Amino acid sequence: REFRAAVEATRGPADAPKELSLADQLAQARAARAARTAGSGA
């Protein structure tokens, strides 16, 4: 734990990964579904 804290302190503050909202997740799922549909020839 001390080692991890020291390493994080030397590297500086890490940017937290951006969390997607539910609307963004749904938009990604729709885009992926549309890409699969377009790729299958339907």
PDB file of all heavy atoms in Angstrom:
ATOM      1  N   ARG A   1       0.840  -1.207   0.000  1.00  0.00           N
ATOM      2  CA  ARG A   1       0.000   0.000   0.000  1.00  0.00           C
ATOM      3  C   ARG A   1       0.874   1.255   0.000  1.00  0.00           C
ATOM      4  O   ARG A   1       0.614   2.201  -0.744  1.00  0.00           O
ATOM      5  CB  ARG A   1      -0.928   0.004   1.217  1.00  0.00           C
ATOM      6  CG  ARG A   1      -2.138  -0.884   1.061  1.00  0.00           C
ATOM      7  CD  ARG A   1      -3.151  -0.629   2.151  1.00  0.00           C
ATOM      8  NE  ARG A   1      -2.671  -1.014   3.467  1.00  0.00           N
ATOM      9  CZ  ARG A   1      -2.815  -2.229   3.991  1.00  0.00           C
ATOM     10  NH1 ARG A   1      -3.428  -3.159   3.311  1.00  0.00           N
ATOM     11  NH2 ARG A   1      -2.364  -2.492   5.185  1.00  0.00           N
ATOM     12  N   GLU A   2       1.912   1.259   0.835  1.00  0.00           N
ATOM     13  CA  GLU A   2       2.819   2.406   0.871  1.00  0.00           C
ATOM     14  C   GLU A   2       3.552   2.553  -0.460  1.00  0.00           C
ATOM     15  O   GLU A   2       3.737   3.660  -0.953  1.00  0.00           O
ATOM     16  CB  GLU A   2       3.838   2.244   2.009  1.00  0.00           C
ATOM     17  CG  GLU A   2       3.240   2.371   3.373  1.00  0.00           C
ATOM     18  CD  GLU A   2       2.666   3.747   3.627  1.00  0.00           C
ATOM     19  OE1 GLU A   2       3.264   4.742   3.181  1.00  0.00           O
ATOM     20  OE2 GLU A   2       1.615   3.834   4.274  1.00  0.00           O
ATOM     21  N   PHE A   3       3.944   1.431  -1.029  1.00  0.00           N
ATOM     22  CA  PHE A   3       4.652   1.448  -2.308  1.00  0.00           C
ATOM     23  C   PHE A   3       3.759   2.048  -3.391  1.00  0.00           C
ATOM     24  O   PHE A   3       4.176   2.914  -4.150  1.00  0.00           O
ATOM     25  CB  PHE A   3       5.069   0.022  -2.661  1.00  0.00           C
ATOM     26  CG  PHE A   3       5.861  -0.080  -3.931  1.00  0.00           C
ATOM     27  CD1 PHE A   3       7.157   0.384  -3.990  1.00  0.00           C
ATOM     28  CD2 PHE A   3       5.309  -0.650  -5.059  1.00  0.00           C
ATOM     29  CE1 PHE A   3       7.898   0.284  -5.154  1.00  0.00           C
ATOM     30  CE2 PHE A   3       6.032  -0.754  -6.231  1.00  0.00           C
ATOM     31  CZ  PHE A   3       7.330  -0.280  -6.264  1.00  0.00           C
ATOM     32  N   ARG A   4       2.499   1.621  -3.430  1.00  0.00           N
ATOM     33  CA  ARG A   4       1.564   2.128  -4.430  1.00  0.00           C
ATOM     34  C   ARG A   4       1.343   3.626  -4.251  1.00  0.00           C
ATOM     35  O   ARG A   4       1.334   4.391  -5.218  1.00  0.00           O
ATOM     36  CB  ARG A   4       0.236   1.385  -4.334  1.00  0.00           C
ATOM     37  CG  ARG A   4      -0.739   1.785  -5.420  1.00  0.00           C
ATOM     38  CD  ARG A   4      -2.081   1.062  -5.357  1.00  0.00           C
ATOM     39  NE  ARG A   4      -1.996  -0.305  -4.946  1.00  0.00           N
ATOM     40  CZ  ARG A   4      -2.593  -0.781  -3.838  1.00  0.00           C
ATOM     41  NH1 ARG A   4      -3.304   0.007  -3.072  1.00  0.00           N
ATOM     42  NH2 ARG A   4      -2.483  -2.045  -3.519  1.00  0.00           N
ATOM     43  N   ALA A   5       1.175   4.064  -3.002  1.00  0.00           N
ATOM     44  CA  ALA A   5       0.960   5.490  -2.745  1.00  0.00           C
ATOM     45  C   ALA A   5       2.170   6.308  -3.167  1.00  0.00           C
ATOM     46  O   ALA A   5       2.026   7.395  -3.751  1.00  0.00           O
ATOM     47  CB  ALA A   5       0.652   5.714  -1.269  1.00  0.00           C
ATOM     48  N   ALA A   6       3.369   5.797  -2.907  1.00  0.00           N
ATOM     49  CA  ALA A   6       4.585   6.529  -3.277  1.00  0.00           C
ATOM     50  C   ALA A   6       4.742   6.591  -4.796  1.00  0.00           C
ATOM     51  O   ALA A   6       5.125   7.622  -5.344  1.00  0.00           O
ATOM     52  CB  ALA A   6       5.804   5.882  -2.637  1.00  0.00           C
ATOM     53  N   VAL A   7       4.440   5.492  -5.471  1.00  0.00           N
ATOM     54  CA  VAL A   7       4.547   5.478  -6.928  1.00  0.00           C
ATOM     55  C   VAL A   7       3.540   6.444  -7.531  1.00  0.00           C
ATOM     56  O   VAL A   7       3.872   7.214  -8.440  1.00  0.00           O
ATOM     57  CB  VAL A   7       4.347   4.043  -7.480  1.00  0.00           C
ATOM     58  CG1 VAL A   7       4.156   4.045  -8.974  1.00  0.00           C
ATOM     59  CG2 VAL A   7       5.534   3.175  -7.100  1.00  0.00           C
ATOM     60  N   GLU A   8       2.321   6.456  -7.027  1.00  0.00           N
ATOM     61  CA  GLU A   8       1.310   7.383  -7.536  1.00  0.00           C
ATOM     62  C   GLU A   8       1.711   8.829  -7.267  1.00  0.00           C
ATOM     63  O   GLU A   8       1.455   9.716  -8.082  1.00  0.00           O
ATOM     64  CB  GLU A   8      -0.043   7.074  -6.916  1.00  0.00           C
ATOM     65  CG  GLU A   8      -0.654   5.791  -7.445  1.00  0.00           C
ATOM     66  CD  GLU A   8      -1.914   5.385  -6.704  1.00  0.00           C
ATOM     67  OE1 GLU A   8      -2.297   6.084  -5.732  1.00  0.00           O
ATOM     68  OE2 GLU A   8      -2.503   4.372  -7.076  1.00  0.00           O
ATOM     69  N   ALA A   9       2.360   9.082  -6.133  1.00  0.00           N
ATOM     70  CA  ALA A   9       2.791  10.442  -5.812  1.00  0.00           C
ATOM     71  C   ALA A   9       3.905  10.896  -6.755  1.00  0.00           C
ATOM     72  O   ALA A   9       3.958  12.073  -7.121  1.00  0.00           O
ATOM     73  CB  ALA A   9       3.258  10.524  -4.371  1.00  0.00           C
ATOM     74  N   THR A  10       4.794   9.993  -7.166  1.00  0.00           N
ATOM     75  CA  THR A  10       5.874  10.382  -8.073  1.00  0.00           C
ATOM     76  C   THR A  10       5.352  10.583  -9.491  1.00  0.00           C
ATOM     77  O   THR A  10       5.863  11.428 -10.214  1.00  0.00           O
ATOM     78  CB  THR A  10       7.003   9.330  -8.105  1.00  0.00           C
ATOM     79  OG1 THR A  10       6.460   8.071  -8.452  1.00  0.00           O
ATOM     80  CG2 THR A  10       7.703   9.261  -6.782  1.00  0.00           C
ATOM     81  N   ARG A  11       4.362   9.838  -9.879  1.00  0.00           N
ATOM     82  CA  ARG A  11       3.820   9.957 -11.237  1.00  0.00           C
ATOM     83  C   ARG A  11       2.898  11.155 -11.381  1.00  0.00           C
ATOM     84  O   ARG A  11       2.606  11.587 -12.480  1.00  0.00           O
ATOM     85  CB  ARG A  11       3.056   8.695 -11.616  1.00  0.00           C
ATOM     86  CG  ARG A  11       3.956   7.524 -11.835  1.00  0.00           C
ATOM     87  CD  ARG A  11       3.170   6.336 -12.299  1.00  0.00           C
ATOM     88  NE  ARG A  11       4.059   5.198 -12.499  1.00  0.00           N
ATOM     89  CZ  ARG A  11       3.670   3.965 -12.513  1.00  0.00           C
ATOM     90  NH1 ARG A  11       2.405   3.661 -12.351  1.00  0.00           N
ATOM     91  NH2 ARG A  11       4.532   2.992 -12.695  1.00  0.00           N
ATOM     92  N   GLY A  12       2.410  11.664 -10.293  1.00  0.00           N
ATOM     93  CA  GLY A  12       1.490  12.793 -10.344  1.00  0.00           C
ATOM     94  C   GLY A  12       0.055  12.298 -10.383  1.00  0.00           C
ATOM     95  O   GLY A  12      -0.207  11.096 -10.465  1.00  0.00           O
ATOM     96  N   PRO A  13      -0.885  13.229 -10.310  1.00  0.00           N
ATOM     97  CA  PRO A  13      -2.290  12.811 -10.288  1.00  0.00           C
ATOM     98  C   PRO A  13      -2.691  12.180 -11.616  1.00  0.00           C
ATOM     99  O   PRO A  13      -2.398  12.696 -12.684  1.00  0.00           O
ATOM    100  CB  PRO A  13      -3.058  14.110 -10.034  1.00  0.00           C
ATOM    101  CG  PRO A  13      -2.124  15.187 -10.480  1.00  0.00           C
ATOM    102  CD  PRO A  13      -0.724  14.666 -10.260  1.00  0.00           C
ATOM    103  N   ALA A  14      -3.315  11.060 -11.532  1.00  0.00           N
ATOM    104  CA  ALA A  14      -3.790  10.373 -12.740  1.00  0.00           C
ATOM    105  C   ALA A  14      -5.203  10.846 -13.049  1.00  0.00           C
ATOM    106  O   ALA A  14      -6.022  11.037 -12.155  1.00  0.00           O
ATOM    107  CB  ALA A  14      -3.778   8.871 -12.519  1.00  0.00           C
ATOM    108  N   ASP A  15      -5.466  11.048 -14.314  1.00  0.00           N
ATOM    109  CA  ASP A  15      -6.807  11.453 -14.722  1.00  0.00           C
ATOM    110  C   ASP A  15      -7.731  10.250 -14.618  1.00  0.00           C
ATOM    111  O   ASP A  15      -7.421   9.164 -15.108  1.00  0.00           O
ATOM    112  CB  ASP A  15      -6.816  11.970 -16.157  1.00  0.00           C
ATOM    113  CG  ASP A  15      -6.018  13.260 -16.293  1.00  0.00           C
ATOM    114  OD1 ASP A  15      -5.917  13.980 -15.286  1.00  0.00           O
ATOM    115  OD2 ASP A  15      -5.505  13.523 -17.390  1.00  0.00           O
ATOM    116  N   ALA A  16      -8.838  10.452 -13.968  1.00  0.00           N
ATOM    117  CA  ALA A  16      -9.809   9.375 -13.819  1.00  0.00           C
ATOM    118  C   ALA A  16     -10.444   9.103 -15.178  1.00  0.00           C
ATOM    119  O   ALA A  16     -10.711  10.037 -15.944  1.00  0.00           O
ATOM    120  CB  ALA A  16     -10.879   9.755 -12.813  1.00  0.00           C
ATOM    121  N   PRO A  17     -10.680   7.838 -15.511  1.00  0.00           N
ATOM    122  CA  PRO A  17     -11.318   7.552 -16.797  1.00  0.00           C
ATOM    123  C   PRO A  17     -12.738   8.121 -16.816  1.00  0.00           C
ATOM    124  O   PRO A  17     -13.447   8.080 -15.821  1.00  0.00           O
ATOM    125  CB  PRO A  17     -11.344   6.021 -16.863  1.00  0.00           C
ATOM    126  CG  PRO A  17     -11.188   5.571 -15.454  1.00  0.00           C
ATOM    127  CD  PRO A  17     -10.407   6.633 -14.744  1.00  0.00           C
ATOM    128  N   LYS A  18     -13.098   8.677 -17.965  1.00  0.00           N
ATOM    129  CA  LYS A  18     -14.423   9.280 -18.105  1.00  0.00           C
ATOM    130  C   LYS A  18     -15.468   8.164 -18.109  1.00  0.00           C
ATOM    131  O   LYS A  18     -15.373   7.197 -18.853  1.00  0.00           O
ATOM    132  CB  LYS A  18     -14.511  10.066 -19.406  1.00  0.00           C
ATOM    133  CG  LYS A  18     -15.837  10.729 -19.603  1.00  0.00           C
ATOM    134  CD  LYS A  18     -15.913  11.437 -20.926  1.00  0.00           C
ATOM    135  CE  LYS A  18     -17.312  11.941 -21.159  1.00  0.00           C
ATOM    136  NZ  LYS A  18     -17.486  12.434 -22.504  1.00  0.00           N
ATOM    137  N   GLU A  19     -16.450   8.326 -17.260  1.00  0.00           N
ATOM    138  CA  GLU A  19     -17.528   7.349 -17.209  1.00  0.00           C
ATOM    139  C   GLU A  19     -18.610   7.773 -18.193  1.00  0.00           C
ATOM    140  O   GLU A  19     -18.982   8.937 -18.262  1.00  0.00           O
ATOM    141  CB  GLU A  19     -18.100   7.260 -15.807  1.00  0.00           C
ATOM    142  CG  GLU A  19     -17.116   6.688 -14.810  1.00  0.00           C
ATOM    143  CD  GLU A  19     -17.754   6.454 -13.456  1.00  0.00           C
ATOM    144  OE1 GLU A  19     -18.983   6.318 -13.387  1.00  0.00           O
ATOM    145  OE2 GLU A  19     -17.003   6.404 -12.489  1.00  0.00           O
ATOM    146  N   LEU A  20     -19.075   6.813 -18.930  1.00  0.00           N
ATOM    147  CA  LEU A  20     -20.108   7.089 -19.925  1.00  0.00           C
ATOM    148  C   LEU A  20     -21.463   7.137 -19.254  1.00  0.00           C
ATOM    149  O   LEU A  20     -21.770   6.336 -18.370  1.00  0.00           O
ATOM    150  CB  LEU A  20     -20.107   6.011 -21.002  1.00  0.00           C
ATOM    151  CG  LEU A  20     -18.857   5.909 -21.866  1.00  0.00           C
ATOM    152  CD1 LEU A  20     -18.979   4.732 -22.811  1.00  0.00           C
ATOM    153  CD2 LEU A  20     -18.638   7.190 -22.643  1.00  0.00           C
ATOM    154  N   SER A  21     -22.281   8.062 -19.701  1.00  0.00           N
ATOM    155  CA  SER A  21     -23.643   8.119 -19.192  1.00  0.00           C
ATOM    156  C   SER A  21     -24.439   6.991 -19.846  1.00  0.00           C
ATOM    157  O   SER A  21     -24.013   6.368 -20.821  1.00  0.00           O
ATOM    158  CB  SER A  21     -24.278   9.473 -19.515  1.00  0.00           C
ATOM    159  OG  SER A  21     -24.450   9.589 -20.911  1.00  0.00           O
ATOM    160  N   LEU A  22     -25.608   6.745 -19.326  1.00  0.00           N
ATOM    161  CA  LEU A  22     -26.464   5.701 -19.880  1.00  0.00           C
ATOM    162  C   LEU A  22     -26.843   6.014 -21.321  1.00  0.00           C
ATOM    163  O   LEU A  22     -26.859   5.125 -22.179  1.00  0.00           O
ATOM    164  CB  LEU A  22     -27.716   5.544 -19.027  1.00  0.00           C
ATOM    165  CG  LEU A  22     -28.667   4.430 -19.420  1.00  0.00           C
ATOM    166  CD1 LEU A  22     -27.939   3.085 -19.419  1.00  0.00           C
ATOM    167  CD2 LEU A  22     -29.845   4.378 -18.497  1.00  0.00           C
ATOM    168  N   ALA A  23     -27.067   7.288 -21.614  1.00  0.00           N
ATOM    169  CA  ALA A  23     -27.415   7.685 -22.984  1.00  0.00           C
ATOM    170  C   ALA A  23     -26.250   7.396 -23.929  1.00  0.00           C
ATOM    171  O   ALA A  23     -26.454   6.909 -25.057  1.00  0.00           O
ATOM    172  CB  ALA A  23     -27.782   9.164 -23.032  1.00  0.00           C
ATOM    173  N   ASP A  24     -25.005   7.678 -23.471  1.00  0.00           N
ATOM    174  CA  ASP A  24     -23.831   7.389 -24.308  1.00  0.00           C
ATOM    175  C   ASP A  24     -23.666   5.889 -24.534  1.00  0.00           C
ATOM    176  O   ASP A  24     -23.333   5.439 -25.627  1.00  0.00           O
ATOM    177  CB  ASP A  24     -22.566   7.955 -23.662  1.00  0.00           C
ATOM    178  CG  ASP A  24     -22.562   9.478 -23.631  1.00  0.00           C
ATOM    179  OD1 ASP A  24     -23.270  10.092 -24.461  1.00  0.00           O
ATOM    180  OD2 ASP A  24     -21.850  10.045 -22.778  1.00  0.00           O
ATOM    181  N   GLN A  25     -23.908   5.100 -23.482  1.00  0.00           N
ATOM    182  CA  GLN A  25     -23.802   3.640 -23.613  1.00  0.00           C
ATOM    183  C   GLN A  25     -24.841   3.112 -24.603  1.00  0.00           C
ATOM    184  O   GLN A  25     -24.542   2.234 -25.416  1.00  0.00           O
ATOM    185  CB  GLN A  25     -23.978   2.974 -22.246  1.00  0.00           C
ATOM    186  CG  GLN A  25     -22.846   3.249 -21.281  1.00  0.00           C
ATOM    187  CD  GLN A  25     -23.132   2.674 -19.899  1.00  0.00           C
ATOM    188  OE1 GLN A  25     -24.065   1.898 -19.702  1.00  0.00           O
ATOM    189  NE2 GLN A  25     -22.315   3.073 -18.931  1.00  0.00           N
ATOM    190  N   LEU A  26     -26.058   3.618 -24.529  1.00  0.00           N
ATOM    191  CA  LEU A  26     -27.113   3.186 -25.457  1.00  0.00           C
ATOM    192  C   LEU A  26     -26.762   3.589 -26.890  1.00  0.00           C
ATOM    193  O   LEU A  26     -26.980   2.813 -27.835  1.00  0.00           O
ATOM    194  CB  LEU A  26     -28.461   3.788 -25.064  1.00  0.00           C
ATOM    195  CG  LEU A  26     -29.105   3.191 -23.814  1.00  0.00           C
ATOM    196  CD1 LEU A  26     -30.330   4.006 -23.413  1.00  0.00           C
ATOM    197  CD2 LEU A  26     -29.482   1.747 -24.061  1.00  0.00           C
ATOM    198  N   ALA A  27     -26.209   4.782 -27.075  1.00  0.00           N
ATOM    199  CA  ALA A  27     -25.824   5.228 -28.412  1.00  0.00           C
ATOM    200  C   ALA A  27     -24.722   4.331 -28.971  1.00  0.00           C
ATOM    201  O   ALA A  27     -24.755   3.960 -30.161  1.00  0.00           O
ATOM    202  CB  ALA A  27     -25.355   6.683 -28.367  1.00  0.00           C
ATOM    203  N   GLN A  28     -23.755   3.942 -28.134  1.00  0.00           N
ATOM    204  CA  GLN A  28     -22.695   3.037 -28.591  1.00  0.00           C
ATOM    205  C   GLN A  28     -23.268   1.676 -28.971  1.00  0.00           C
ATOM    206  O   GLN A  28     -22.878   1.083 -29.977  1.00  0.00           O
ATOM    207  CB  GLN A  28     -21.631   2.859 -27.501  1.00  0.00           C
ATOM    208  CG  GLN A  28     -20.682   4.018 -27.374  1.00  0.00           C
ATOM    209  CD  GLN A  28     -19.608   3.745 -26.317  1.00  0.00           C
ATOM    210  OE1 GLN A  28     -19.703   2.794 -25.555  1.00  0.00           O
ATOM    211  NE2 GLN A  28     -18.607   4.608 -26.282  1.00  0.00           N
ATOM    212  N   ALA A  29     -24.205   1.171 -28.164  1.00  0.00           N
ATOM    213  CA  ALA A  29     -24.805  -0.129 -28.454  1.00  0.00           C
ATOM    214  C   ALA A  29     -25.588  -0.080 -29.753  1.00  0.00           C
ATOM    215  O   ALA A  29     -25.526  -1.015 -30.570  1.00  0.00           O
ATOM    216  CB  ALA A  29     -25.713  -0.561 -27.297  1.00  0.00           C
ATOM    217  N   ARG A  30     -26.319   1.010 -29.991  1.00  0.00           N
ATOM    218  CA  ARG A  30     -27.076   1.147 -31.247  1.00  0.00           C
ATOM    219  C   ARG A  30     -26.141   1.225 -32.442  1.00  0.00           C
ATOM    220  O   ARG A  30     -26.391   0.612 -33.481  1.00  0.00           O
ATOM    221  CB  ARG A  30     -27.952   2.396 -31.198  1.00  0.00           C
ATOM    222  CG  ARG A  30     -29.147   2.250 -30.290  1.00  0.00           C
ATOM    223  CD  ARG A  30     -30.046   3.470 -30.341  1.00  0.00           C
ATOM    224  NE  ARG A  30     -31.098   3.340 -29.365  1.00  0.00           N
ATOM    225  CZ  ARG A  30     -31.327   4.211 -28.389  1.00  0.00           C
ATOM    226  NH1 ARG A  30     -30.586   5.292 -28.270  1.00  0.00           N
ATOM    227  NH2 ARG A  30     -32.306   4.011 -27.542  1.00  0.00           N
ATOM    228  N   ALA A  31     -25.038   1.968 -32.295  1.00  0.00           N
ATOM    229  CA  ALA A  31     -24.073   2.093 -33.392  1.00  0.00           C
ATOM    230  C   ALA A  31     -23.426   0.740 -33.684  1.00  0.00           C
ATOM    231  O   ALA A  31     -23.252   0.358 -34.846  1.00  0.00           O
ATOM    232  CB  ALA A  31     -23.002   3.128 -33.042  1.00  0.00           C
ATOM    233  N   ALA A  32     -23.096  -0.021 -32.643  1.00  0.00           N
ATOM    234  CA  ALA A  32     -22.493  -1.341 -32.842  1.00  0.00           C
ATOM    235  C   ALA A  32     -23.487  -2.278 -33.518  1.00  0.00           C
ATOM    236  O   ALA A  32     -23.130  -3.058 -34.412  1.00  0.00           O
ATOM    237  CB  ALA A  32     -22.038  -1.919 -31.500  1.00  0.00           C
ATOM    238  N   ARG A  33     -24.769  -2.212 -33.103  1.00  0.00           N
ATOM    239  CA  ARG A  33     -25.793  -3.058 -33.709  1.00  0.00           C
ATOM    240  C   ARG A  33     -25.982  -2.688 -35.176  1.00  0.00           C
ATOM    241  O   ARG A  33     -26.098  -3.567 -36.036  1.00  0.00           O
ATOM    242  CB  ARG A  33     -27.104  -2.902 -32.943  1.00  0.00           C
ATOM    243  CG  ARG A  33     -28.147  -3.937 -33.339  1.00  0.00           C
ATOM    244  CD  ARG A  33     -29.447  -3.858 -32.543  1.00  0.00           C
ATOM    245  NE  ARG A  33     -29.270  -3.542 -31.142  1.00  0.00           N
ATOM    246  CZ  ARG A  33     -29.769  -2.443 -30.540  1.00  0.00           C
ATOM    247  NH1 ARG A  33     -30.489  -1.582 -31.225  1.00  0.00           N
ATOM    248  NH2 ARG A  33     -29.566  -2.230 -29.261  1.00  0.00           N
ATOM    249  N   ALA A  34     -25.984  -1.396 -35.468  1.00  0.00           N
ATOM    250  CA  ALA A  34     -26.139  -0.949 -36.852  1.00  0.00           C
ATOM    251  C   ALA A  34     -24.953  -1.404 -37.697  1.00  0.00           C
ATOM    252  O   ALA A  34     -25.126  -1.812 -38.854  1.00  0.00           O
ATOM    253  CB  ALA A  34     -26.275   0.573 -36.899  1.00  0.00           C
ATOM    254  N   ALA A  35     -23.742  -1.363 -37.130  1.00  0.00           N
ATOM    255  CA  ALA A  35     -22.561  -1.799 -37.865  1.00  0.00           C
ATOM    256  C   ALA A  35     -22.616  -3.301 -38.136  1.00  0.00           C
ATOM    257  O   ALA A  35     -22.243  -3.770 -39.217  1.00  0.00           O
ATOM    258  CB  ALA A  35     -21.303  -1.444 -37.091  1.00  0.00           C
ATOM    259  N   ARG A  36     -23.101  -4.071 -37.137  1.00  0.00           N
ATOM    260  CA  ARG A  36     -23.215  -5.528 -37.335  1.00  0.00           C
ATOM    261  C   ARG A  36     -24.257  -5.818 -38.425  1.00  0.00           C
ATOM    262  O   ARG A  36     -24.079  -6.699 -39.257  1.00  0.00           O
ATOM    263  CB  ARG A  36     -23.618  -6.205 -36.023  1.00  0.00           C
ATOM    264  CG  ARG A  36     -22.475  -6.388 -35.069  1.00  0.00           C
ATOM    265  CD  ARG A  36     -22.863  -7.362 -33.952  1.00  0.00           C
ATOM    266  NE  ARG A  36     -24.121  -7.041 -33.306  1.00  0.00           N
ATOM    267  CZ  ARG A  36     -24.243  -6.271 -32.205  1.00  0.00           C
ATOM    268  NH1 ARG A  36     -23.191  -5.733 -31.672  1.00  0.00           N
ATOM    269  NH2 ARG A  36     -25.419  -6.045 -31.674  1.00  0.00           N
ATOM    270  N   THR A  37     -25.363  -5.097 -38.378  1.00  0.00           N
ATOM    271  CA  THR A  37     -26.412  -5.309 -39.358  1.00  0.00           C
ATOM    272  C   THR A  37     -25.932  -4.953 -40.747  1.00  0.00           C
ATOM    273  O   THR A  37     -26.152  -5.690 -41.716  1.00  0.00           O
ATOM    274  CB  THR A  37     -27.666  -4.462 -39.008  1.00  0.00           C
ATOM    275  OG1 THR A  37     -28.063  -4.773 -37.687  1.00  0.00           O
ATOM    276  CG2 THR A  37     -28.792  -4.735 -39.965  1.00  0.00           C
ATOM    277  N   ALA A  38     -25.208  -3.860 -40.879  1.00  0.00           N
ATOM    278  CA  ALA A  38     -24.700  -3.427 -42.170  1.00  0.00           C
ATOM    279  C   ALA A  38     -23.622  -4.385 -42.671  1.00  0.00           C
ATOM    280  O   ALA A  38     -23.533  -4.677 -43.860  1.00  0.00           O
ATOM    281  CB  ALA A  38     -24.124  -2.015 -42.078  1.00  0.00           C
ATOM    282  N   GLY A  39     -22.842  -4.940 -41.765  1.00  0.00           N
ATOM    283  CA  GLY A  39     -21.773  -5.864 -42.160  1.00  0.00           C
ATOM    284  C   GLY A  39     -22.292  -7.235 -42.528  1.00  0.00           C
ATOM    285  O   GLY A  39     -21.649  -7.966 -43.304  1.00  0.00           O
ATOM    286  N   SER A  40     -23.446  -7.642 -42.060  1.00  0.00           N
ATOM    287  CA  SER A  40     -23.947  -8.983 -42.357  1.00  0.00           C
ATOM    288  C   SER A  40     -24.698  -9.032 -43.694  1.00  0.00           C
ATOM    289  O   SER A  40     -25.124 -10.102 -44.108  1.00  0.00           O
ATOM    290  CB  SER A  40     -24.857  -9.466 -41.217  1.00  0.00           C
ATOM    291  OG  SER A  40     -26.017  -8.665 -41.160  1.00  0.00           O
ATOM    292  N   GLY A  41     -24.930  -7.899 -44.330  1.00  0.00           N
ATOM    293  CA  GLY A  41     -25.590  -7.891 -45.614  1.00  0.00           C
ATOM    294  C   GLY A  41     -27.092  -7.777 -45.526  1.00  0.00           C
ATOM    295  O   GLY A  41     -27.778  -7.848 -46.533  1.00  0.00           O
ATOM    296  N   ALA A  42     -27.635  -7.614 -44.344  1.00  0.00           N
ATOM    297  CA  ALA A  42     -29.090  -7.477 -44.205  1.00  0.00           C
ATOM    298  C   ALA A  42     -29.500  -6.078 -44.630  1.00  0.00           C
ATOM    299  O   ALA A  42     -28.754  -5.130 -44.507  1.00  0.00           O
ATOM    300  CB  ALA A  42     -29.498  -7.723 -42.761  1.00  0.00           C
TER     301      ALA A  42
END
